[in-house]
Amino acid sequence: MKYMLLINQGEFDVAELSPEELQQVGAEYQAINQTAGVTPGTWMEPPETSTTVRVEDGQTLTTDGPFVSVKEALGGYLFYEADDLDAAIELAARIPAARLGGCVEIRPLKEGY
């Protein structure tokens, strides 16, 4: 089964980490990216740099910043091909954001598209 893991940073600011803690978190993400079945994504800029686009009555409307609250904002993602959901949960639990005030959403990918 293929999964997309959506990494929500939460309200935690990585700048609050000491250099040693930041190095440890970086090493943990590197190890996750090297896990068999993982296709790494990329980090995103902070939510306040985003633009939200909607189309209403044929008009394109844009809003600066995220539509969701910051604590729910997507910070990164990866793809994971695993035997089952339990394996994906195990990988998600290793993602530093999950223990630093954020969360990881695991979403199965539809096959055949």
N, C-alpha and C. Protein backbone atom coordinates (compact mmCIF):
# COMPACT_ATOMS: atom_id res chain seq x y z
N MET A 1 0.84 -1.17 0.00
CA MET A 1 0.00 0.00 0.00
C MET A 1 0.89 1.24 0.00
N LYS A 2 0.49 2.25 -0.75
CA LYS A 2 1.24 3.51 -0.78
C LYS A 2 0.51 4.55 0.06
N TYR A 3 1.30 5.30 0.82
CA TYR A 3 0.77 6.32 1.71
C TYR A 3 1.48 7.64 1.47
N MET A 4 0.76 8.72 1.72
CA MET A 4 1.38 10.03 1.79
C MET A 4 1.32 10.44 3.25
N LEU A 5 2.45 10.84 3.80
CA LEU A 5 2.52 11.31 5.16
C LEU A 5 2.64 12.83 5.11
N LEU A 6 1.63 13.50 5.65
CA LEU A 6 1.58 14.96 5.65
C LEU A 6 2.08 15.43 7.01
N ILE A 7 3.16 16.16 7.02
CA ILE A 7 3.82 16.55 8.26
C ILE A 7 3.38 17.96 8.63
N ASN A 8 2.66 18.06 9.74
CA ASN A 8 2.21 19.35 10.25
C ASN A 8 3.15 19.78 11.37
N GLN A 9 3.79 20.90 11.18
CA GLN A 9 4.77 21.38 12.14
C GLN A 9 4.13 21.82 13.45
N GLY A 10 2.87 22.24 13.40
CA GLY A 10 2.23 22.77 14.60
C GLY A 10 2.73 24.16 14.89
N GLU A 11 2.55 24.62 16.09
CA GLU A 11 2.96 25.97 16.45
C GLU A 11 4.40 26.04 16.94
N PHE A 12 5.05 24.89 16.97
CA PHE A 12 6.43 24.83 17.42
C PHE A 12 7.35 25.53 16.42
N ASP A 13 8.28 26.32 16.93
CA ASP A 13 9.25 27.04 16.10
C ASP A 13 10.59 26.33 16.20
N VAL A 14 11.07 25.83 15.09
CA VAL A 14 12.34 25.11 15.06
C VAL A 14 13.48 25.99 15.58
N ALA A 15 13.32 27.31 15.47
CA ALA A 15 14.35 28.24 15.95
C ALA A 15 14.53 28.14 17.47
N GLU A 16 13.58 27.52 18.16
CA GLU A 16 13.69 27.35 19.61
C GLU A 16 14.64 26.22 20.00
N LEU A 17 15.06 25.42 19.05
CA LEU A 17 15.97 24.31 19.33
C LEU A 17 17.40 24.79 19.47
N SER A 18 18.15 24.14 20.34
CA SER A 18 19.58 24.43 20.45
C SER A 18 20.26 23.87 19.19
N PRO A 19 21.48 24.30 18.91
CA PRO A 19 22.18 23.75 17.75
C PRO A 19 22.30 22.22 17.81
N GLU A 20 22.51 21.68 19.01
CA GLU A 20 22.62 20.23 19.16
C GLU A 20 21.29 19.54 18.86
N GLU A 21 20.20 20.12 19.38
CA GLU A 21 18.88 19.55 19.13
C GLU A 21 18.52 19.64 17.65
N LEU A 22 18.87 20.75 17.03
CA LEU A 22 18.59 20.93 15.60
C LEU A 22 19.37 19.91 14.78
N GLN A 23 20.60 19.65 15.17
CA GLN A 23 21.41 18.64 14.48
C GLN A 23 20.78 17.25 14.64
N GLN A 24 20.29 16.94 15.84
CA GLN A 24 19.64 15.65 16.10
C GLN A 24 18.38 15.48 15.26
N VAL A 25 17.56 16.53 15.20
CA VAL A 25 16.33 16.48 14.40
C VAL A 25 16.69 16.27 12.92
N GLY A 26 17.70 16.98 12.45
CA GLY A 26 18.14 16.81 11.06
C GLY A 26 18.58 15.39 10.79
N ALA A 27 19.30 14.79 11.72
CA ALA A 27 19.76 13.41 11.57
C ALA A 27 18.58 12.44 11.55
N GLU A 28 17.56 12.73 12.38
CA GLU A 28 16.38 11.87 12.40
C GLU A 28 15.63 11.92 11.06
N TYR A 29 15.47 13.12 10.51
CA TYR A 29 14.81 13.24 9.20
C TYR A 29 15.64 12.55 8.12
N GLN A 30 16.95 12.67 8.19
CA GLN A 30 17.82 12.01 7.20
C GLN A 30 17.64 10.50 7.28
N ALA A 31 17.57 9.95 8.49
CA ALA A 31 17.38 8.51 8.66
C ALA A 31 16.02 8.08 8.10
N ILE A 32 15.00 8.88 8.34
CA ILE A 32 13.66 8.57 7.80
C ILE A 32 13.71 8.57 6.28
N ASN A 33 14.37 9.57 5.69
CA ASN A 33 14.45 9.65 4.23
C ASN A 33 15.20 8.47 3.62
N GLN A 34 16.05 7.81 4.40
CA GLN A 34 16.81 6.67 3.90
C GLN A 34 16.13 5.34 4.20
N THR A 35 14.95 5.38 4.81
CA THR A 35 14.20 4.17 5.12
C THR A 35 13.68 3.54 3.83
N ALA A 36 13.80 2.24 3.71
CA ALA A 36 13.29 1.54 2.52
C ALA A 36 11.81 1.84 2.34
N GLY A 37 11.42 2.17 1.13
CA GLY A 37 10.02 2.46 0.82
C GLY A 37 9.67 3.93 0.91
N VAL A 38 10.58 4.77 1.45
CA VAL A 38 10.30 6.20 1.60
C VAL A 38 10.78 6.95 0.36
N THR A 39 9.90 7.80 -0.17
CA THR A 39 10.27 8.77 -1.19
C THR A 39 10.17 10.13 -0.52
N PRO A 40 11.31 10.77 -0.25
CA PRO A 40 11.26 12.03 0.49
C PRO A 40 10.55 13.12 -0.29
N GLY A 41 9.91 13.99 0.45
CA GLY A 41 9.34 15.21 -0.12
C GLY A 41 10.34 16.32 0.12
N THR A 42 9.82 17.50 0.36
CA THR A 42 10.68 18.64 0.64
C THR A 42 10.02 19.52 1.68
N TRP A 43 10.84 20.26 2.43
CA TRP A 43 10.29 21.20 3.42
C TRP A 43 9.64 22.34 2.69
N MET A 44 8.63 22.90 3.31
CA MET A 44 7.93 24.05 2.74
C MET A 44 8.29 25.30 3.54
N GLU A 45 8.15 26.44 2.90
CA GLU A 45 8.33 27.71 3.60
C GLU A 45 7.19 27.86 4.61
N PRO A 46 7.31 28.78 5.57
CA PRO A 46 6.27 28.94 6.59
C PRO A 46 4.91 29.29 5.98
N PRO A 47 3.83 28.95 6.68
CA PRO A 47 2.48 29.18 6.16
C PRO A 47 2.21 30.63 5.78
N GLU A 48 2.80 31.56 6.50
CA GLU A 48 2.51 32.96 6.20
C GLU A 48 3.04 33.41 4.84
N THR A 49 3.86 32.58 4.19
CA THR A 49 4.36 32.91 2.85
C THR A 49 3.44 32.39 1.74
N SER A 50 2.38 31.70 2.12
CA SER A 50 1.52 31.06 1.11
C SER A 50 0.48 32.02 0.56
N THR A 51 -0.11 31.61 -0.54
CA THR A 51 -1.24 32.29 -1.16
C THR A 51 -2.33 31.25 -1.36
N THR A 52 -3.53 31.56 -0.91
CA THR A 52 -4.67 30.65 -1.05
C THR A 52 -5.50 31.12 -2.24
N VAL A 53 -5.86 30.19 -3.13
CA VAL A 53 -6.62 30.51 -4.34
C VAL A 53 -7.97 29.82 -4.30
N ARG A 54 -9.01 30.57 -4.61
CA ARG A 54 -10.37 30.05 -4.74
C ARG A 54 -10.97 30.63 -6.02
N VAL A 55 -11.91 29.91 -6.58
CA VAL A 55 -12.65 30.42 -7.74
C VAL A 55 -14.12 30.46 -7.36
N GLU A 56 -14.70 31.66 -7.42
CA GLU A 56 -16.12 31.84 -7.12
C GLU A 56 -16.75 32.60 -8.27
N ASP A 57 -17.82 32.03 -8.82
CA ASP A 57 -18.53 32.66 -9.94
C ASP A 57 -17.59 33.04 -11.07
N GLY A 58 -16.62 32.16 -11.35
CA GLY A 58 -15.68 32.39 -12.45
C GLY A 58 -14.57 33.38 -12.13
N GLN A 59 -14.56 33.94 -10.94
CA GLN A 59 -13.54 34.91 -10.54
C GLN A 59 -12.47 34.21 -9.69
N THR A 60 -11.22 34.45 -10.00
CA THR A 60 -10.13 33.91 -9.20
C THR A 60 -9.87 34.87 -8.05
N LEU A 61 -9.98 34.34 -6.84
CA LEU A 61 -9.76 35.13 -5.64
C LEU A 61 -8.52 34.62 -4.92
N THR A 62 -7.67 35.51 -4.48
CA THR A 62 -6.47 35.11 -3.75
C THR A 62 -6.45 35.77 -2.38
N THR A 63 -5.88 35.06 -1.42
CA THR A 63 -5.72 35.57 -0.07
C THR A 63 -4.29 35.28 0.36
N ASP A 64 -3.64 36.27 0.93
CA ASP A 64 -2.29 36.04 1.45
C ASP A 64 -2.37 35.18 2.70
N GLY A 65 -1.43 34.27 2.82
CA GLY A 65 -1.36 33.42 4.00
C GLY A 65 -2.23 32.19 3.89
N PRO A 66 -2.18 31.37 4.92
CA PRO A 66 -2.91 30.10 4.89
C PRO A 66 -4.39 30.29 5.19
N PHE A 67 -5.18 29.35 4.71
CA PHE A 67 -6.60 29.35 5.02
C PHE A 67 -6.85 28.65 6.34
N VAL A 68 -6.03 27.65 6.66
CA VAL A 68 -6.18 26.91 7.91
C VAL A 68 -5.44 27.64 9.02
N SER A 69 -5.73 27.27 10.25
CA SER A 69 -4.99 27.86 11.36
C SER A 69 -3.54 27.37 11.29
N VAL A 70 -2.62 28.14 11.82
CA VAL A 70 -1.20 27.82 11.72
C VAL A 70 -0.89 26.46 12.32
N LYS A 71 -1.57 26.07 13.41
CA LYS A 71 -1.24 24.80 14.03
C LYS A 71 -1.57 23.61 13.13
N GLU A 72 -2.38 23.82 12.10
CA GLU A 72 -2.73 22.75 11.17
C GLU A 72 -1.95 22.84 9.86
N ALA A 73 -1.11 23.83 9.71
CA ALA A 73 -0.47 24.09 8.44
C ALA A 73 0.56 23.02 8.07
N LEU A 74 0.53 22.63 6.83
CA LEU A 74 1.43 21.63 6.30
C LEU A 74 2.85 22.18 6.23
N GLY A 75 3.81 21.41 6.76
CA GLY A 75 5.20 21.84 6.75
C GLY A 75 6.06 21.01 5.82
N GLY A 76 5.61 19.83 5.46
CA GLY A 76 6.36 18.95 4.57
C GLY A 76 5.57 17.67 4.34
N TYR A 77 6.15 16.78 3.58
CA TYR A 77 5.46 15.53 3.23
C TYR A 77 6.48 14.51 2.78
N LEU A 78 6.05 13.27 2.74
CA LEU A 78 6.83 12.21 2.11
C LEU A 78 5.88 11.11 1.67
N PHE A 79 6.35 10.26 0.81
CA PHE A 79 5.57 9.10 0.36
C PHE A 79 6.22 7.85 0.93
N TYR A 80 5.39 6.88 1.25
CA TYR A 80 5.91 5.66 1.86
C TYR A 80 5.14 4.46 1.32
N GLU A 81 5.87 3.51 0.78
CA GLU A 81 5.28 2.26 0.34
C GLU A 81 5.54 1.23 1.43
N ALA A 82 4.46 0.75 2.05
CA ALA A 82 4.59 -0.13 3.20
C ALA A 82 3.65 -1.32 3.05
N ASP A 83 3.89 -2.33 3.86
CA ASP A 83 3.03 -3.51 3.83
C ASP A 83 1.64 -3.21 4.36
N ASP A 84 1.55 -2.32 5.36
CA ASP A 84 0.25 -2.05 5.96
C ASP A 84 0.28 -0.73 6.72
N LEU A 85 -0.88 -0.33 7.24
CA LEU A 85 -1.00 0.92 7.98
C LEU A 85 -0.13 0.91 9.24
N ASP A 86 0.00 -0.22 9.89
CA ASP A 86 0.83 -0.28 11.09
C ASP A 86 2.26 0.16 10.81
N ALA A 87 2.80 -0.24 9.67
CA ALA A 87 4.16 0.16 9.30
C ALA A 87 4.23 1.67 9.06
N ALA A 88 3.20 2.23 8.45
CA ALA A 88 3.15 3.67 8.22
C ALA A 88 3.04 4.43 9.54
N ILE A 89 2.27 3.91 10.48
CA ILE A 89 2.15 4.53 11.80
C ILE A 89 3.50 4.50 12.51
N GLU A 90 4.20 3.40 12.41
CA GLU A 90 5.52 3.28 13.04
C GLU A 90 6.48 4.32 12.48
N LEU A 91 6.46 4.51 11.15
CA LEU A 91 7.32 5.51 10.53
C LEU A 91 6.90 6.91 10.97
N ALA A 92 5.60 7.20 10.97
CA ALA A 92 5.10 8.52 11.36
C ALA A 92 5.53 8.87 12.78
N ALA A 93 5.56 7.90 13.66
CA ALA A 93 5.95 8.14 15.05
C ALA A 93 7.43 8.53 15.17
N ARG A 94 8.23 8.20 14.17
CA ARG A 94 9.65 8.56 14.16
C ARG A 94 9.88 9.99 13.68
N ILE A 95 8.88 10.61 13.06
CA ILE A 95 9.04 11.95 12.49
C ILE A 95 9.07 12.96 13.64
N PRO A 96 10.14 13.75 13.75
CA PRO A 96 10.29 14.66 14.87
C PRO A 96 9.10 15.60 15.10
N ALA A 97 8.48 16.08 14.06
CA ALA A 97 7.35 17.00 14.22
C ALA A 97 6.24 16.39 15.06
N ALA A 98 6.09 15.07 15.02
CA ALA A 98 5.02 14.40 15.77
C ALA A 98 5.21 14.53 17.27
N ARG A 99 6.44 14.67 17.73
CA ARG A 99 6.69 14.80 19.16
C ARG A 99 6.99 16.24 19.58
N LEU A 100 7.15 17.13 18.61
CA LEU A 100 7.50 18.52 18.90
C LEU A 100 6.29 19.45 18.79
N GLY A 101 5.10 18.92 19.00
CA GLY A 101 3.90 19.76 19.00
C GLY A 101 3.10 19.73 17.73
N GLY A 102 3.58 19.03 16.71
CA GLY A 102 2.84 18.91 15.46
C GLY A 102 2.18 17.55 15.37
N CYS A 103 1.92 17.11 14.18
CA CYS A 103 1.33 15.79 13.97
C CYS A 103 1.65 15.33 12.56
N VAL A 104 1.38 14.07 12.29
CA VAL A 104 1.58 13.50 10.96
C VAL A 104 0.27 12.83 10.55
N GLU A 105 -0.27 13.26 9.43
CA GLU A 105 -1.47 12.63 8.87
C GLU A 105 -1.03 11.60 7.85
N ILE A 106 -1.55 10.39 7.98
CA ILE A 106 -1.24 9.32 7.04
C ILE A 106 -2.44 9.15 6.13
N ARG A 107 -2.21 9.29 4.84
CA ARG A 107 -3.32 9.15 3.91
C ARG A 107 -2.98 8.13 2.82
N PRO A 108 -3.80 7.08 2.68
CA PRO A 108 -3.56 6.10 1.61
C PRO A 108 -3.72 6.77 0.24
N LEU A 109 -2.92 6.35 -0.71
CA LEU A 109 -3.02 6.86 -2.07
C LEU A 109 -3.88 5.92 -2.90
N LYS A 110 -4.70 6.49 -3.77
CA LYS A 110 -5.50 5.67 -4.66
C LYS A 110 -4.60 5.10 -5.74
N GLU A 111 -4.80 3.87 -6.04
CA GLU A 111 -4.00 3.20 -7.07
C GLU A 111 -4.68 3.35 -8.43
N GLY A 112 -3.88 3.33 -9.49
CA GLY A 112 -4.43 3.29 -10.84
C GLY A 112 -4.79 4.64 -11.45
N TYR A 113 -4.28 5.72 -10.89
CA TYR A 113 -4.56 7.04 -11.47
C TYR A 113 -3.35 7.60 -12.13
